[in-house]
Amino acid sequence: MNNPFSKNTRVIYILEGLVFSYIITGLLLLLISFLMLKLELSSAVISAGINIAYIISSLSGGFFIGKKMEQKKFIWGLIIGALYFIILLLVSLIMNSGGTLPLGNYFTVFIITSLSGMLGGMIS
């Protein structure tokens, strides 16, 4: 086998990258919620903070998997960013069952997470 990484190893690295991304997300959202408690933040500041949390989380997941993979790091980062969004979307749909879906917002978050993951892979 010419490939240094088996498919099982790749799956494990992807799962580790996603878990790492969601740990970062949890910590950043905890920080944002603490700031909301202590300060009177406007909805624009909160929205920007959540987008920054998405960017940092996807970037760190892409960086993590880029360090693990030896070739095509940007594609692996893009995969992490896209999977991050898909899981985020599924959880959002489950939690918001029956509500209206702002598709423009989902598309924006998809672009943000995918490109941030790809950037993380590129700089790794």
PDB file of N, CA and C in Angstrom:
ATOM      1  N   MET A   1       0.845  -1.176   0.000  1.00  0.00           N
ATOM      2  CA  MET A   1       0.000   0.000   0.000  1.00  0.00           C
ATOM      3  C   MET A   1       0.885   1.231   0.000  1.00  0.00           C
ATOM      4  N   ASN A   2       0.746   2.085  -1.006  1.00  0.00           N
ATOM      5  CA  ASN A   2       1.569   3.283  -1.138  1.00  0.00           C
ATOM      6  C   ASN A   2       1.120   4.409  -0.225  1.00  0.00           C
ATOM      7  N   ASN A   3      -0.105   4.379   0.199  1.00  0.00           N
ATOM      8  CA  ASN A   3      -0.664   5.448   1.010  1.00  0.00           C
ATOM      9  C   ASN A   3      -0.208   5.298   2.462  1.00  0.00           C
ATOM     10  N   PRO A   4       0.449   6.319   3.026  1.00  0.00           N
ATOM     11  CA  PRO A   4       0.928   6.184   4.407  1.00  0.00           C
ATOM     12  C   PRO A   4      -0.194   6.179   5.450  1.00  0.00           C
ATOM     13  N   PHE A   5      -1.363   6.680   5.082  1.00  0.00           N
ATOM     14  CA  PHE A   5      -2.481   6.730   6.027  1.00  0.00           C
ATOM     15  C   PHE A   5      -3.578   5.801   5.546  1.00  0.00           C
ATOM     16  N   SER A   6      -4.003   4.915   6.391  1.00  0.00           N
ATOM     17  CA  SER A   6      -5.135   4.070   6.032  1.00  0.00           C
ATOM     18  C   SER A   6      -6.419   4.876   6.159  1.00  0.00           C
ATOM     19  N   LYS A   7      -7.493   4.340   5.615  1.00  0.00           N
ATOM     20  CA  LYS A   7      -8.777   5.042   5.685  1.00  0.00           C
ATOM     21  C   LYS A   7      -9.251   5.170   7.125  1.00  0.00           C
ATOM     22  N   ASN A   8      -8.973   4.182   7.954  1.00  0.00           N
ATOM     23  CA  ASN A   8      -9.384   4.259   9.357  1.00  0.00           C
ATOM     24  C   ASN A   8      -8.661   5.386  10.074  1.00  0.00           C
ATOM     25  N   THR A   9      -7.388   5.567   9.771  1.00  0.00           N
ATOM     26  CA  THR A   9      -6.617   6.641  10.391  1.00  0.00           C
ATOM     27  C   THR A   9      -7.173   7.999   9.979  1.00  0.00           C
ATOM     28  N   ARG A  10      -7.549   8.138   8.717  1.00  0.00           N
ATOM     29  CA  ARG A  10      -8.119   9.403   8.235  1.00  0.00           C
ATOM     30  C   ARG A  10      -9.422   9.713   8.947  1.00  0.00           C
ATOM     31  N   VAL A  11     -10.267   8.713   9.108  1.00  0.00           N
ATOM     32  CA  VAL A  11     -11.543   8.914   9.796  1.00  0.00           C
ATOM     33  C   VAL A  11     -11.309   9.343  11.235  1.00  0.00           C
ATOM     34  N   ILE A  12     -10.333   8.710  11.891  1.00  0.00           N
ATOM     35  CA  ILE A  12     -10.008   9.075  13.272  1.00  0.00           C
ATOM     36  C   ILE A  12      -9.502  10.509  13.339  1.00  0.00           C
ATOM     37  N   TYR A  13      -8.656  10.903  12.403  1.00  0.00           N
ATOM     38  CA  TYR A  13      -8.159  12.280  12.385  1.00  0.00           C
ATOM     39  C   TYR A  13      -9.290  13.281  12.146  1.00  0.00           C
ATOM     40  N   ILE A  14     -10.225  12.938  11.266  1.00  0.00           N
ATOM     41  CA  ILE A  14     -11.363  13.829  11.010  1.00  0.00           C
ATOM     42  C   ILE A  14     -12.205  13.965  12.269  1.00  0.00           C
ATOM     43  N   LEU A  15     -12.488  12.846  12.927  1.00  0.00           N
ATOM     44  CA  LEU A  15     -13.276  12.904  14.158  1.00  0.00           C
ATOM     45  C   LEU A  15     -12.553  13.687  15.246  1.00  0.00           C
ATOM     46  N   GLU A  16     -11.249  13.503  15.362  1.00  0.00           N
ATOM     47  CA  GLU A  16     -10.484  14.274  16.344  1.00  0.00           C
ATOM     48  C   GLU A  16     -10.535  15.757  16.031  1.00  0.00           C
ATOM     49  N   GLY A  17     -10.401  16.107  14.747  1.00  0.00           N
ATOM     50  CA  GLY A  17     -10.471  17.507  14.347  1.00  0.00           C
ATOM     51  C   GLY A  17     -11.823  18.121  14.649  1.00  0.00           C
ATOM     52  N   LEU A  18     -12.893  17.362  14.409  1.00  0.00           N
ATOM     53  CA  LEU A  18     -14.237  17.866  14.707  1.00  0.00           C
ATOM     54  C   LEU A  18     -14.458  18.030  16.201  1.00  0.00           C
ATOM     55  N   VAL A  19     -14.003  17.059  16.980  1.00  0.00           N
ATOM     56  CA  VAL A  19     -14.137  17.171  18.435  1.00  0.00           C
ATOM     57  C   VAL A  19     -13.349  18.373  18.943  1.00  0.00           C
ATOM     58  N   PHE A  20     -12.147  18.550  18.425  1.00  0.00           N
ATOM     59  CA  PHE A  20     -11.320  19.697  18.803  1.00  0.00           C
ATOM     60  C   PHE A  20     -12.043  21.002  18.456  1.00  0.00           C
ATOM     61  N   SER A  21     -12.639  21.059  17.267  1.00  0.00           N
ATOM     62  CA  SER A  21     -13.363  22.265  16.851  1.00  0.00           C
ATOM     63  C   SER A  21     -14.540  22.557  17.768  1.00  0.00           C
ATOM     64  N   TYR A  22     -15.273  21.518  18.138  1.00  0.00           N
ATOM     65  CA  TYR A  22     -16.439  21.742  18.987  1.00  0.00           C
ATOM     66  C   TYR A  22     -16.063  22.049  20.431  1.00  0.00           C
ATOM     67  N   ILE A  23     -14.933  21.585  20.881  1.00  0.00           N
ATOM     68  CA  ILE A  23     -14.452  21.992  22.210  1.00  0.00           C
ATOM     69  C   ILE A  23     -14.128  23.480  22.201  1.00  0.00           C
ATOM     70  N   ILE A  24     -13.443  23.928  21.150  1.00  0.00           N
ATOM     71  CA  ILE A  24     -13.141  25.359  21.007  1.00  0.00           C
ATOM     72  C   ILE A  24     -14.438  26.166  20.927  1.00  0.00           C
ATOM     73  N   THR A  25     -15.413  25.664  20.166  1.00  0.00           N
ATOM     74  CA  THR A  25     -16.702  26.347  20.055  1.00  0.00           C
ATOM     75  C   THR A  25     -17.372  26.481  21.420  1.00  0.00           C
ATOM     76  N   GLY A  26     -17.386  25.392  22.173  1.00  0.00           N
ATOM     77  CA  GLY A  26     -18.005  25.424  23.496  1.00  0.00           C
ATOM     78  C   GLY A  26     -17.357  26.444  24.408  1.00  0.00           C
ATOM     79  N   LEU A  27     -16.034  26.481  24.395  1.00  0.00           N
ATOM     80  CA  LEU A  27     -15.322  27.441  25.239  1.00  0.00           C
ATOM     81  C   LEU A  27     -15.603  28.879  24.819  1.00  0.00           C
ATOM     82  N   LEU A  28     -15.604  29.122  23.511  1.00  0.00           N
ATOM     83  CA  LEU A  28     -15.856  30.484  23.033  1.00  0.00           C
ATOM     84  C   LEU A  28     -17.302  30.918  23.301  1.00  0.00           C
ATOM     85  N   LEU A  29     -18.249  30.011  23.121  1.00  0.00           N
ATOM     86  CA  LEU A  29     -19.645  30.367  23.407  1.00  0.00           C
ATOM     87  C   LEU A  29     -19.868  30.565  24.899  1.00  0.00           C
ATOM     88  N   LEU A  30     -19.139  29.829  25.713  1.00  0.00           N
ATOM     89  CA  LEU A  30     -19.197  30.044  27.155  1.00  0.00           C
ATOM     90  C   LEU A  30     -18.675  31.436  27.506  1.00  0.00           C
ATOM     91  N   LEU A  31     -17.598  31.846  26.867  1.00  0.00           N
ATOM     92  CA  LEU A  31     -17.053  33.189  27.068  1.00  0.00           C
ATOM     93  C   LEU A  31     -18.051  34.252  26.616  1.00  0.00           C
ATOM     94  N   ILE A  32     -18.677  34.044  25.454  1.00  0.00           N
ATOM     95  CA  ILE A  32     -19.662  35.007  24.960  1.00  0.00           C
ATOM     96  C   ILE A  32     -20.846  35.107  25.916  1.00  0.00           C
ATOM     97  N   SER A  33     -21.303  33.964  26.411  1.00  0.00           N
ATOM     98  CA  SER A  33     -22.447  34.005  27.339  1.00  0.00           C
ATOM     99  C   SER A  33     -22.071  34.679  28.655  1.00  0.00           C
ATOM    100  N   PHE A  34     -20.832  34.500  29.113  1.00  0.00           N
ATOM    101  CA  PHE A  34     -20.379  35.195  30.315  1.00  0.00           C
ATOM    102  C   PHE A  34     -20.347  36.703  30.082  1.00  0.00           C
ATOM    103  N   LEU A  35     -19.856  37.114  28.912  1.00  0.00           N
ATOM    104  CA  LEU A  35     -19.828  38.545  28.585  1.00  0.00           C
ATOM    105  C   LEU A  35     -21.236  39.112  28.469  1.00  0.00           C
ATOM    106  N   MET A  36     -22.173  38.304  27.951  1.00  0.00           N
ATOM    107  CA  MET A  36     -23.570  38.749  27.881  1.00  0.00           C
ATOM    108  C   MET A  36     -24.141  38.946  29.276  1.00  0.00           C
ATOM    109  N   LEU A  37     -23.737  38.099  30.216  1.00  0.00           N
ATOM    110  CA  LEU A  37     -24.231  38.197  31.584  1.00  0.00           C
ATOM    111  C   LEU A  37     -23.695  39.443  32.281  1.00  0.00           C
ATOM    112  N   LYS A  38     -22.424  39.725  32.086  1.00  0.00           N
ATOM    113  CA  LYS A  38     -21.784  40.830  32.800  1.00  0.00           C
ATOM    114  C   LYS A  38     -21.939  42.182  32.107  1.00  0.00           C
ATOM    115  N   LEU A  39     -22.050  42.180  30.783  1.00  0.00           N
ATOM    116  CA  LEU A  39     -22.136  43.418  30.018  1.00  0.00           C
ATOM    117  C   LEU A  39     -23.452  43.451  29.252  1.00  0.00           C
ATOM    118  N   GLU A  40     -23.885  44.611  28.906  1.00  0.00           N
ATOM    119  CA  GLU A  40     -25.078  44.732  28.077  1.00  0.00           C
ATOM    120  C   GLU A  40     -24.638  44.826  26.621  1.00  0.00           C
ATOM    121  N   LEU A  41     -24.551  43.673  25.983  1.00  0.00           N
ATOM    122  CA  LEU A  41     -24.085  43.622  24.601  1.00  0.00           C
ATOM    123  C   LEU A  41     -25.264  43.728  23.650  1.00  0.00           C
ATOM    124  N   SER A  42     -25.044  44.427  22.556  1.00  0.00           N
ATOM    125  CA  SER A  42     -26.089  44.532  21.539  1.00  0.00           C
ATOM    126  C   SER A  42     -26.152  43.230  20.746  1.00  0.00           C
ATOM    127  N   SER A  43     -27.234  43.060  20.034  1.00  0.00           N
ATOM    128  CA  SER A  43     -27.386  41.836  19.244  1.00  0.00           C
ATOM    129  C   SER A  43     -26.349  41.761  18.121  1.00  0.00           C
ATOM    130  N   ALA A  44     -25.918  42.900  17.610  1.00  0.00           N
ATOM    131  CA  ALA A  44     -24.888  42.907  16.569  1.00  0.00           C
ATOM    132  C   ALA A  44     -23.557  42.398  17.115  1.00  0.00           C
ATOM    133  N   VAL A  45     -23.220  42.786  18.340  1.00  0.00           N
ATOM    134  CA  VAL A  45     -21.968  42.330  18.962  1.00  0.00           C
ATOM    135  C   VAL A  45     -22.045  40.831  19.243  1.00  0.00           C
ATOM    136  N   ILE A  46     -23.194  40.369  19.690  1.00  0.00           N
ATOM    137  CA  ILE A  46     -23.365  38.944  19.969  1.00  0.00           C
ATOM    138  C   ILE A  46     -23.263  38.138  18.679  1.00  0.00           C
ATOM    139  N   SER A  47     -23.904  38.608  17.622  1.00  0.00           N
ATOM    140  CA  SER A  47     -23.844  37.929  16.329  1.00  0.00           C
ATOM    141  C   SER A  47     -22.414  37.889  15.793  1.00  0.00           C
ATOM    142  N   ALA A  48     -21.697  38.998  15.931  1.00  0.00           N
ATOM    143  CA  ALA A  48     -20.302  39.028  15.492  1.00  0.00           C
ATOM    144  C   ALA A  48     -19.457  38.071  16.328  1.00  0.00           C
ATOM    145  N   GLY A  49     -19.720  38.003  17.628  1.00  0.00           N
ATOM    146  CA  GLY A  49     -18.986  37.082  18.490  1.00  0.00           C
ATOM    147  C   GLY A  49     -19.215  35.628  18.108  1.00  0.00           C
ATOM    148  N   ILE A  50     -20.449  35.301  17.748  1.00  0.00           N
ATOM    149  CA  ILE A  50     -20.752  33.929  17.331  1.00  0.00           C
ATOM    150  C   ILE A  50     -20.054  33.613  16.012  1.00  0.00           C
ATOM    151  N   ASN A  51     -20.056  34.553  15.073  1.00  0.00           N
ATOM    152  CA  ASN A  51     -19.345  34.332  13.805  1.00  0.00           C
ATOM    153  C   ASN A  51     -17.846  34.181  14.033  1.00  0.00           C
ATOM    154  N   ILE A  52     -17.296  34.967  14.941  1.00  0.00           N
ATOM    155  CA  ILE A  52     -15.867  34.833  15.265  1.00  0.00           C
ATOM    156  C   ILE A  52     -15.589  33.476  15.897  1.00  0.00           C
ATOM    157  N   ALA A  53     -16.517  32.992  16.721  1.00  0.00           N
ATOM    158  CA  ALA A  53     -16.360  31.657  17.313  1.00  0.00           C
ATOM    159  C   ALA A  53     -16.360  30.595  16.225  1.00  0.00           C
ATOM    160  N   TYR A  54     -17.240  30.720  15.217  1.00  0.00           N
ATOM    161  CA  TYR A  54     -17.250  29.783  14.097  1.00  0.00           C
ATOM    162  C   TYR A  54     -15.922  29.814  13.345  1.00  0.00           C
ATOM    163  N   ILE A  55     -15.416  31.020  13.111  1.00  0.00           N
ATOM    164  CA  ILE A  55     -14.164  31.168  12.360  1.00  0.00           C
ATOM    165  C   ILE A  55     -13.004  30.536  13.122  1.00  0.00           C
ATOM    166  N   ILE A  56     -12.872  30.868  14.392  1.00  0.00           N
ATOM    167  CA  ILE A  56     -11.763  30.339  15.189  1.00  0.00           C
ATOM    168  C   ILE A  56     -11.859  28.824  15.323  1.00  0.00           C
ATOM    169  N   SER A  57     -13.056  28.311  15.513  1.00  0.00           N
ATOM    170  CA  SER A  57     -13.241  26.869  15.675  1.00  0.00           C
ATOM    171  C   SER A  57     -12.902  26.108  14.394  1.00  0.00           C
ATOM    172  N   SER A  58     -13.408  26.575  13.264  1.00  0.00           N
ATOM    173  CA  SER A  58     -13.113  25.909  11.994  1.00  0.00           C
ATOM    174  C   SER A  58     -11.643  26.043  11.625  1.00  0.00           C
ATOM    175  N   LEU A  59     -11.077  27.204  11.880  1.00  0.00           N
ATOM    176  CA  LEU A  59      -9.663  27.423  11.598  1.00  0.00           C
ATOM    177  C   LEU A  59      -8.800  26.481  12.435  1.00  0.00           C
ATOM    178  N   SER A  60      -9.139  26.323  13.707  1.00  0.00           N
ATOM    179  CA  SER A  60      -8.343  25.440  14.559  1.00  0.00           C
ATOM    180  C   SER A  60      -8.531  23.974  14.170  1.00  0.00           C
ATOM    181  N   GLY A  61      -9.742  23.582  13.764  1.00  0.00           N
ATOM    182  CA  GLY A  61      -9.961  22.216  13.284  1.00  0.00           C
ATOM    183  C   GLY A  61      -9.193  21.944  12.001  1.00  0.00           C
ATOM    184  N   GLY A  62      -9.203  22.909  11.082  1.00  0.00           N
ATOM    185  CA  GLY A  62      -8.435  22.772   9.844  1.00  0.00           C
ATOM    186  C   GLY A  62      -6.942  22.728  10.108  1.00  0.00           C
ATOM    187  N   PHE A  63      -6.478  23.532  11.045  1.00  0.00           N
ATOM    188  CA  PHE A  63      -5.062  23.523  11.418  1.00  0.00           C
ATOM    189  C   PHE A  63      -4.692  22.178  12.031  1.00  0.00           C
ATOM    190  N   PHE A  64      -5.576  21.647  12.887  1.00  0.00           N
ATOM    191  CA  PHE A  64      -5.328  20.365  13.545  1.00  0.00           C
ATOM    192  C   PHE A  64      -5.182  19.250  12.522  1.00  0.00           C
ATOM    193  N   ILE A  65      -6.123  19.161  11.585  1.00  0.00           N
ATOM    194  CA  ILE A  65      -6.052  18.071  10.616  1.00  0.00           C
ATOM    195  C   ILE A  65      -4.941  18.308   9.597  1.00  0.00           C
ATOM    196  N   GLY A  66      -4.638  19.566   9.326  1.00  0.00           N
ATOM    197  CA  GLY A  66      -3.525  19.858   8.429  1.00  0.00           C
ATOM    198  C   GLY A  66      -2.199  19.385   8.994  1.00  0.00           C
ATOM    199  N   LYS A  67      -2.053  19.449  10.309  1.00  0.00           N
ATOM    200  CA  LYS A  67      -0.835  18.952  10.957  1.00  0.00           C
ATOM    201  C   LYS A  67      -0.760  17.424  10.884  1.00  0.00           C
ATOM    202  N   LYS A  68      -1.912  16.768  10.885  1.00  0.00           N
ATOM    203  CA  LYS A  68      -1.940  15.308  10.854  1.00  0.00           C
ATOM    204  C   LYS A  68      -1.714  14.753   9.455  1.00  0.00           C
ATOM    205  N   MET A  69      -2.250  15.416   8.455  1.00  0.00           N
ATOM    206  CA  MET A  69      -2.139  14.944   7.069  1.00  0.00           C
ATOM    207  C   MET A  69      -0.899  15.547   6.432  1.00  0.00           C
ATOM    208  N   GLU A  70      -0.313  14.806   5.530  1.00  0.00           N
ATOM    209  CA  GLU A  70       0.920  15.272   4.904  1.00  0.00           C
ATOM    210  C   GLU A  70       0.686  15.913   3.541  1.00  0.00           C
ATOM    211  N   GLN A  71      -0.399  15.563   2.881  1.00  0.00           N
ATOM    212  CA  GLN A  71      -0.664  16.077   1.545  1.00  0.00           C
ATOM    213  C   GLN A  71      -2.053  16.671   1.485  1.00  0.00           C
ATOM    214  N   LYS A  72      -2.225  17.632   0.589  1.00  0.00           N
ATOM    215  CA  LYS A  72      -3.527  18.276   0.354  1.00  0.00           C
ATOM    216  C   LYS A  72      -4.165  18.766   1.650  1.00  0.00           C
ATOM    217  N   LYS A  73      -3.396  19.464   2.427  1.00  0.00           N
ATOM    218  CA  LYS A  73      -3.864  19.938   3.727  1.00  0.00           C
ATOM    219  C   LYS A  73      -5.058  20.865   3.602  1.00  0.00           C
ATOM    220  N   PHE A  74      -5.092  21.682   2.561  1.00  0.00           N
ATOM    221  CA  PHE A  74      -6.199  22.625   2.401  1.00  0.00           C
ATOM    222  C   PHE A  74      -7.511  21.900   2.131  1.00  0.00           C
ATOM    223  N   ILE A  75      -7.453  20.783   1.417  1.00  0.00           N
ATOM    224  CA  ILE A  75      -8.670  20.018   1.159  1.00  0.00           C
ATOM    225  C   ILE A  75      -9.168  19.375   2.446  1.00  0.00           C
ATOM    226  N   TRP A  76      -8.255  18.858   3.262  1.00  0.00           N
ATOM    227  CA  TRP A  76      -8.659  18.269   4.538  1.00  0.00           C
ATOM    228  C   TRP A  76      -9.243  19.332   5.459  1.00  0.00           C
ATOM    229  N   GLY A  77      -8.675  20.526   5.435  1.00  0.00           N
ATOM    230  CA  GLY A  77      -9.241  21.625   6.212  1.00  0.00           C
ATOM    231  C   GLY A  77     -10.625  22.005   5.719  1.00  0.00           C
ATOM    232  N   LEU A  78     -10.801  22.008   4.397  1.00  0.00           N
ATOM    233  CA  LEU A  78     -12.111  22.296   3.814  1.00  0.00           C
ATOM    234  C   LEU A  78     -13.128  21.238   4.230  1.00  0.00           C
ATOM    235  N   ILE A  79     -12.707  19.989   4.258  1.00  0.00           N
ATOM    236  CA  ILE A  79     -13.597  18.900   4.683  1.00  0.00           C
ATOM    237  C   ILE A  79     -14.014  19.096   6.140  1.00  0.00           C
ATOM    238  N   ILE A  80     -13.050  19.446   6.991  1.00  0.00           N
ATOM    239  CA  ILE A  80     -13.378  19.687   8.403  1.00  0.00           C
ATOM    240  C   ILE A  80     -14.366  20.842   8.533  1.00  0.00           C
ATOM    241  N   GLY A  81     -14.133  21.928   7.806  1.00  0.00           N
ATOM    242  CA  GLY A  81     -15.040  23.072   7.866  1.00  0.00           C
ATOM    243  C   GLY A  81     -16.438  22.724   7.385  1.00  0.00           C
ATOM    244  N   ALA A  82     -16.534  21.952   6.309  1.00  0.00           N
ATOM    245  CA  ALA A  82     -17.843  21.568   5.783  1.00  0.00           C
ATOM    246  C   ALA A  82     -18.556  20.609   6.742  1.00  0.00           C
ATOM    247  N   LEU A  83     -17.826  19.647   7.298  1.00  0.00           N
ATOM    248  CA  LEU A  83     -18.436  18.724   8.261  1.00  0.00           C
ATOM    249  C   LEU A  83     -18.849  19.449   9.534  1.00  0.00           C
ATOM    250  N   TYR A  84     -18.062  20.417   9.949  1.00  0.00           N
ATOM    251  CA  TYR A  84     -18.410  21.249  11.103  1.00  0.00           C
ATOM    252  C   TYR A  84     -19.759  21.919  10.854  1.00  0.00           C
ATOM    253  N   PHE A  85     -19.935  22.490   9.657  1.00  0.00           N
ATOM    254  CA  PHE A  85     -21.195  23.146   9.319  1.00  0.00           C
ATOM    255  C   PHE A  85     -22.343  22.152   9.271  1.00  0.00           C
ATOM    256  N   ILE A  86     -22.125  20.981   8.669  1.00  0.00           N
ATOM    257  CA  ILE A  86     -23.203  19.998   8.539  1.00  0.00           C
ATOM    258  C   ILE A  86     -23.703  19.569   9.918  1.00  0.00           C
ATOM    259  N   ILE A  87     -22.789  19.303  10.835  1.00  0.00           N
ATOM    260  CA  ILE A  87     -23.190  18.926  12.190  1.00  0.00           C
ATOM    261  C   ILE A  87     -23.906  20.084  12.871  1.00  0.00           C
ATOM    262  N   LEU A  88     -23.397  21.286  12.699  1.00  0.00           N
ATOM    263  CA  LEU A  88     -24.030  22.479  13.259  1.00  0.00           C
ATOM    264  C   LEU A  88     -25.445  22.656  12.699  1.00  0.00           C
ATOM    265  N   LEU A  89     -25.599  22.436  11.399  1.00  0.00           N
ATOM    266  CA  LEU A  89     -26.905  22.552  10.755  1.00  0.00           C
ATOM    267  C   LEU A  89     -27.878  21.494  11.274  1.00  0.00           C
ATOM    268  N   LEU A  90     -27.413  20.252  11.386  1.00  0.00           N
ATOM    269  CA  LEU A  90     -28.286  19.183  11.870  1.00  0.00           C
ATOM    270  C   LEU A  90     -28.756  19.445  13.299  1.00  0.00           C
ATOM    271  N   VAL A  91     -27.848  19.872  14.149  1.00  0.00           N
ATOM    272  CA  VAL A  91     -28.232  20.183  15.532  1.00  0.00           C
ATOM    273  C   VAL A  91     -29.197  21.357  15.555  1.00  0.00           C
ATOM    274  N   SER A  92     -28.951  22.355  14.723  1.00  0.00           N
ATOM    275  CA  SER A  92     -29.838  23.521  14.658  1.00  0.00           C
ATOM    276  C   SER A  92     -31.225  23.127  14.169  1.00  0.00           C
ATOM    277  N   LEU A  93     -31.302  22.258  13.170  1.00  0.00           N
ATOM    278  CA  LEU A  93     -32.598  21.821  12.664  1.00  0.00           C
ATOM    279  C   LEU A  93     -33.353  20.991  13.693  1.00  0.00           C
ATOM    280  N   ILE A  94     -32.644  20.162  14.430  1.00  0.00           N
ATOM    281  CA  ILE A  94     -33.287  19.359  15.469  1.00  0.00           C
ATOM    282  C   ILE A  94     -33.815  20.252  16.590  1.00  0.00           C
ATOM    283  N   MET A  95     -33.021  21.227  16.992  1.00  0.00           N
ATOM    284  CA  MET A  95     -33.417  22.108  18.093  1.00  0.00           C
ATOM    285  C   MET A  95     -34.500  23.099  17.673  1.00  0.00           C
ATOM    286  N   ASN A  96     -34.572  23.449  16.402  1.00  0.00           N
ATOM    287  CA  ASN A  96     -35.511  24.446  15.905  1.00  0.00           C
ATOM    288  C   ASN A  96     -36.546  23.776  14.998  1.00  0.00           C
ATOM    289  N   SER A  97     -37.099  22.671  15.434  1.00  0.00           N
ATOM    290  CA  SER A  97     -38.056  21.956  14.596  1.00  0.00           C
ATOM    291  C   SER A  97     -39.336  22.777  14.429  1.00  0.00           C
ATOM    292  N   GLY A  98     -39.735  22.932  13.179  1.00  0.00           N
ATOM    293  CA  GLY A  98     -40.959  23.673  12.897  1.00  0.00           C
ATOM    294  C   GLY A  98     -40.769  25.160  12.735  1.00  0.00           C
ATOM    295  N   GLY A  99     -39.598  25.674  13.002  1.00  0.00           N
ATOM    296  CA  GLY A  99     -39.350  27.107  12.859  1.00  0.00           C
ATOM    297  C   GLY A  99     -38.974  27.462  11.438  1.00  0.00           C
ATOM    298  N   THR A 100     -38.919  28.755  11.167  1.00  0.00           N
ATOM    299  CA  THR A 100     -38.519  29.201   9.838  1.00  0.00           C
ATOM    300  C   THR A 100     -37.012  29.096   9.708  1.00  0.00           C
ATOM    301  N   LEU A 101     -36.572  28.814   8.505  1.00  0.00           N
ATOM    302  CA  LEU A 101     -35.146  28.649   8.250  1.00  0.00           C
ATOM    303  C   LEU A 101     -34.613  29.818   7.429  1.00  0.00           C
ATOM    304  N   PRO A 102     -33.766  30.648   8.018  1.00  0.00           N
ATOM    305  CA  PRO A 102     -33.137  31.723   7.236  1.00  0.00           C
ATOM    306  C   PRO A 102     -31.998  31.153   6.394  1.00  0.00           C
ATOM    307  N   LEU A 103     -32.300  30.727   5.165  1.00  0.00           N
ATOM    308  CA  LEU A 103     -31.321  30.027   4.338  1.00  0.00           C
ATOM    309  C   LEU A 103     -30.096  30.885   4.022  1.00  0.00           C
ATOM    310  N   GLY A 104     -30.287  32.193   3.920  1.00  0.00           N
ATOM    311  CA  GLY A 104     -29.145  33.073   3.668  1.00  0.00           C
ATOM    312  C   GLY A 104     -28.128  33.003   4.794  1.00  0.00           C
ATOM    313  N   ASN A 105     -28.609  32.931   6.025  1.00  0.00           N
ATOM    314  CA  ASN A 105     -27.697  32.813   7.167  1.00  0.00           C
ATOM    315  C   ASN A 105     -26.948  31.489   7.145  1.00  0.00           C
ATOM    316  N   TYR A 106     -27.636  30.411   6.795  1.00  0.00           N
ATOM    317  CA  TYR A 106     -26.972  29.104   6.729  1.00  0.00           C
ATOM    318  C   TYR A 106     -25.901  29.086   5.645  1.00  0.00           C
ATOM    319  N   PHE A 107     -26.196  29.712   4.509  1.00  0.00           N
ATOM    320  CA  PHE A 107     -25.204  29.764   3.436  1.00  0.00           C
ATOM    321  C   PHE A 107     -23.979  30.556   3.872  1.00  0.00           C
ATOM    322  N   THR A 108     -24.207  31.660   4.562  1.00  0.00           N
ATOM    323  CA  THR A 108     -23.089  32.474   5.055  1.00  0.00           C
ATOM    324  C   THR A 108     -22.230  31.690   6.038  1.00  0.00           C
ATOM    325  N   VAL A 109     -22.868  30.973   6.948  1.00  0.00           N
ATOM    326  CA  VAL A 109     -22.122  30.178   7.921  1.00  0.00           C
ATOM    327  C   VAL A 109     -21.375  29.047   7.217  1.00  0.00           C
ATOM    328  N   PHE A 110     -21.977  28.449   6.184  1.00  0.00           N
ATOM    329  CA  PHE A 110     -21.279  27.412   5.420  1.00  0.00           C
ATOM    330  C   PHE A 110     -20.008  27.961   4.782  1.00  0.00           C
ATOM    331  N   ILE A 111     -20.107  29.114   4.173  1.00  0.00           N
ATOM    332  CA  ILE A 111     -18.927  29.733   3.543  1.00  0.00           C
ATOM    333  C   ILE A 111     -17.879  30.061   4.605  1.00  0.00           C
ATOM    334  N   ILE A 112     -18.304  30.630   5.723  1.00  0.00           N
ATOM    335  CA  ILE A 112     -17.381  31.005   6.795  1.00  0.00           C
ATOM    336  C   ILE A 112     -16.640  29.781   7.325  1.00  0.00           C
ATOM    337  N   THR A 113     -17.380  28.720   7.650  1.00  0.00           N
ATOM    338  CA  THR A 113     -16.742  27.548   8.256  1.00  0.00           C
ATOM    339  C   THR A 113     -15.866  26.799   7.252  1.00  0.00           C
ATOM    340  N   SER A 114     -16.324  26.682   6.021  1.00  0.00           N
ATOM    341  CA  SER A 114     -15.536  25.959   5.019  1.00  0.00           C
ATOM    342  C   SER A 114     -14.230  26.676   4.702  1.00  0.00           C
ATOM    343  N   LEU A 115     -14.318  27.971   4.467  1.00  0.00           N
ATOM    344  CA  LEU A 115     -13.105  28.716   4.127  1.00  0.00           C
ATOM    345  C   LEU A 115     -12.162  28.843   5.324  1.00  0.00           C
ATOM    346  N   SER A 116     -12.715  28.952   6.524  1.00  0.00           N
ATOM    347  CA  SER A 116     -11.857  29.010   7.711  1.00  0.00           C
ATOM    348  C   SER A 116     -11.127  27.685   7.922  1.00  0.00           C
ATOM    349  N   GLY A 117     -11.833  26.569   7.726  1.00  0.00           N
ATOM    350  CA  GLY A 117     -11.190  25.270   7.827  1.00  0.00           C
ATOM    351  C   GLY A 117     -10.100  25.106   6.775  1.00  0.00           C
ATOM    352  N   MET A 118     -10.383  25.563   5.557  1.00  0.00           N
ATOM    353  CA  MET A 118      -9.389  25.471   4.487  1.00  0.00           C
ATOM    354  C   MET A 118      -8.170  26.340   4.811  1.00  0.00           C
ATOM    355  N   LEU A 119      -8.395  27.529   5.326  1.00  0.00           N
ATOM    356  CA  LEU A 119      -7.283  28.396   5.718  1.00  0.00           C
ATOM    357  C   LEU A 119      -6.448  27.765   6.824  1.00  0.00           C
ATOM    358  N   GLY A 120      -7.126  27.147   7.788  1.00  0.00           N
ATOM    359  CA  GLY A 120      -6.392  26.452   8.844  1.00  0.00           C
ATOM    360  C   GLY A 120      -5.516  25.335   8.303  1.00  0.00           C
ATOM    361  N   GLY A 121      -6.057  24.593   7.349  1.00  0.00           N
ATOM    362  CA  GLY A 121      -5.257  23.539   6.717  1.00  0.00           C
ATOM    363  C   GLY A 121      -4.086  24.106   5.945  1.00  0.00           C
ATOM    364  N   MET A 122      -4.295  25.248   5.288  1.00  0.00           N
ATOM    365  CA  MET A 122      -3.222  25.848   4.486  1.00  0.00           C
ATOM    366  C   MET A 122      -2.084  26.374   5.367  1.00  0.00           C
ATOM    367  N   ILE A 123      -2.396  26.935   6.521  1.00  0.00           N
ATOM    368  CA  ILE A 123      -1.329  27.521   7.333  1.00  0.00           C
ATOM    369  C   ILE A 123      -0.671  26.494   8.265  1.00  0.00           C
ATOM    370  N   SER A 124      -1.202  25.267   8.272  1.00  0.00           N
ATOM    371  CA  SER A 124      -0.605  24.250   9.149  1.00  0.00           C
ATOM    372  C   SER A 124       0.735  23.769   8.634  1.00  0.00           C
TER     373      SER A 124
END
